[in-house]
Protein backbone atom coordinates (compact mmCIF):
# COMPACT_ATOMS: atom_id res chain seq x y z
CA MET A 1 -61.35 -15.35 -19.29
CA HIS A 2 -59.49 -18.57 -20.95
CA TYR A 3 -60.25 -21.76 -22.57
CA GLN A 4 -59.01 -24.30 -24.93
CA ALA A 5 -60.71 -25.04 -28.30
CA ALA A 6 -61.62 -28.57 -29.58
CA PRO A 7 -60.19 -31.09 -29.50
CA TYR A 8 -58.27 -29.85 -26.53
CA GLU A 9 -61.32 -28.68 -24.34
CA GLU A 10 -60.78 -28.95 -20.80
CA ALA A 11 -62.74 -29.46 -17.26
CA LYS A 12 -61.23 -27.84 -14.47
CA LEU A 13 -61.42 -28.11 -10.86
CA ILE A 14 -60.29 -25.08 -8.98
CA ARG A 15 -59.42 -24.52 -5.13
CA CYS A 16 -58.02 -21.42 -3.64
CA THR A 17 -55.48 -23.02 -1.08
CA SER A 18 -54.29 -19.63 0.55
CA GLY A 19 -55.91 -16.07 0.62
CA SER A 20 -58.92 -15.53 -1.51
CA ILE A 21 -60.32 -15.14 -5.21
CA PHE A 22 -63.32 -13.95 -7.02
CA ASP A 23 -63.74 -16.82 -9.51
CA ALA A 24 -66.03 -16.64 -12.68
CA ILE A 25 -66.88 -18.87 -15.36
CA ILE A 26 -68.88 -18.47 -18.66
CA ASP A 27 -70.68 -20.87 -20.89
CA LEU A 28 -69.59 -20.76 -24.33
CA ARG A 29 -71.24 -23.89 -25.61
CA ALA A 30 -73.48 -22.79 -28.82
CA GLY A 31 -76.60 -24.32 -28.50
CA SER A 32 -76.76 -24.72 -24.54
CA ALA A 33 -79.55 -23.15 -22.70
CA THR A 34 -77.23 -20.96 -20.49
CA PHE A 35 -75.17 -19.94 -23.51
CA LYS A 36 -73.13 -16.79 -22.48
CA GLN A 37 -74.48 -16.75 -18.98
CA HIS A 38 -71.86 -16.81 -16.03
CA PHE A 39 -71.31 -18.04 -12.62
CA ALA A 40 -69.21 -16.44 -10.10
CA ALA A 41 -68.27 -17.29 -6.34
CA VAL A 42 -65.65 -16.43 -3.83
CA LEU A 43 -63.58 -19.34 -3.49
CA SER A 44 -60.97 -19.10 -0.28
CA ALA A 45 -58.78 -21.15 1.86
CA ASP A 46 -61.19 -20.35 5.00
CA ASN A 47 -64.51 -21.53 3.06
CA ARG A 48 -62.87 -24.41 1.25
CA ARG A 49 -64.83 -24.24 -1.77
CA MET A 50 -64.11 -25.63 -4.96
CA LEU A 51 -65.56 -24.96 -8.37
CA TYR A 52 -65.85 -27.53 -11.20
CA ILE A 53 -65.64 -25.79 -14.78
CA PRO A 54 -67.20 -28.09 -17.27
CA GLU A 55 -65.66 -28.22 -20.87
CA GLY A 56 -66.91 -25.60 -23.20
CA PHE A 57 -66.64 -22.91 -20.34
CA ALA A 58 -64.17 -20.01 -20.19
CA HIS A 59 -62.73 -19.33 -16.81
CA GLY A 60 -61.20 -16.42 -15.11
CA PHE A 61 -60.22 -15.10 -11.30
CA GLN A 62 -59.34 -11.82 -9.75
CA THR A 63 -57.28 -12.48 -6.40
CA LEU A 64 -58.93 -10.34 -3.43
CA GLN A 65 -55.87 -10.91 -1.07
CA ASN A 66 -51.99 -10.70 -1.17
CA ASP A 67 -50.17 -14.09 -1.21
CA THR A 68 -53.17 -15.91 -2.48
CA GLU A 69 -52.47 -19.31 -4.23
CA VAL A 70 -55.08 -21.15 -6.42
CA PHE A 71 -54.72 -25.10 -7.28
CA TYR A 72 -55.89 -26.34 -10.74
CA GLN A 73 -56.75 -29.84 -11.77
CA MET A 74 -57.40 -30.08 -15.54
CA SER A 75 -58.46 -32.82 -17.79
CA GLN A 76 -56.20 -31.81 -20.86
CA PHE A 77 -52.76 -30.94 -21.24
CA TYR A 78 -52.14 -27.23 -22.10
CA SER A 79 -52.05 -26.76 -26.10
CA PRO A 80 -50.96 -23.39 -27.09
CA GLU A 81 -52.51 -23.68 -30.53
CA HIS A 82 -56.08 -24.37 -29.09
CA ALA A 83 -55.67 -21.36 -26.29
CA ARG A 84 -58.42 -19.14 -26.75
CA GLY A 85 -59.92 -16.21 -24.44
CA VAL A 86 -62.65 -13.56 -24.26
CA ARG A 87 -62.28 -10.16 -22.73
CA TRP A 88 -63.08 -10.21 -18.62
CA ASN A 89 -65.17 -7.24 -18.81
CA ASP A 90 -67.16 -7.97 -22.14
CA PRO A 91 -70.64 -6.57 -21.79
CA ALA A 92 -71.88 -9.50 -23.54
CA PHE A 93 -71.42 -11.41 -20.41
CA GLY A 94 -72.19 -8.92 -17.85
CA ILE A 95 -69.99 -9.97 -14.82
CA ALA A 96 -69.92 -7.77 -11.96
CA TRP A 97 -66.18 -8.16 -10.90
CA PRO A 98 -65.12 -6.70 -7.52
CA THR A 99 -63.49 -3.21 -7.70
CA GLY A 100 -60.08 -2.80 -6.70
CA GLU A 101 -56.50 -2.73 -8.53
CA ARG A 102 -56.20 -5.03 -11.49
CA ILE A 103 -53.15 -6.22 -13.15
CA ILE A 104 -54.04 -7.69 -16.69
CA ILE A 105 -51.42 -8.72 -19.14
CA GLU A 106 -51.81 -7.32 -22.64
CA ARG A 107 -53.10 -10.40 -24.13
CA ASP A 108 -56.21 -10.46 -21.76
CA ARG A 109 -56.71 -6.76 -22.26
CA ALA A 110 -56.69 -7.21 -26.11
CA TYR A 111 -59.45 -9.65 -26.81
CA ALA A 112 -62.09 -8.37 -29.23
CA ASP A 113 -66.08 -8.32 -28.05
CA PHE A 114 -67.37 -11.68 -28.17
CA VAL A 115 -69.45 -12.28 -31.19
CA SER A 116 -71.68 -15.28 -31.07
């Protein structure tokens, strides 16, 4: 689950142009009425849904089909110094991810438990 810290916070618009994904976002805005809550949806080429992700939210997805393609539009350029993340399966967020094979890079598996 990725995001960028201030002053490079970014809004995103996500669409799946081929295949399908389970897409999840988490509100990390301290003081928000929905702080630490998540929203998830299936985005696919067939359903043509898009997901808007406001600044201050972490974002991640799991592909559900082979040969899946995801199209991102972002409001900020990538800034490696401001890149942050939270673990996809952190119990603080309670996301019910689909079952199945997962290929997760070491950086994403190594995030510590979220502390608010």
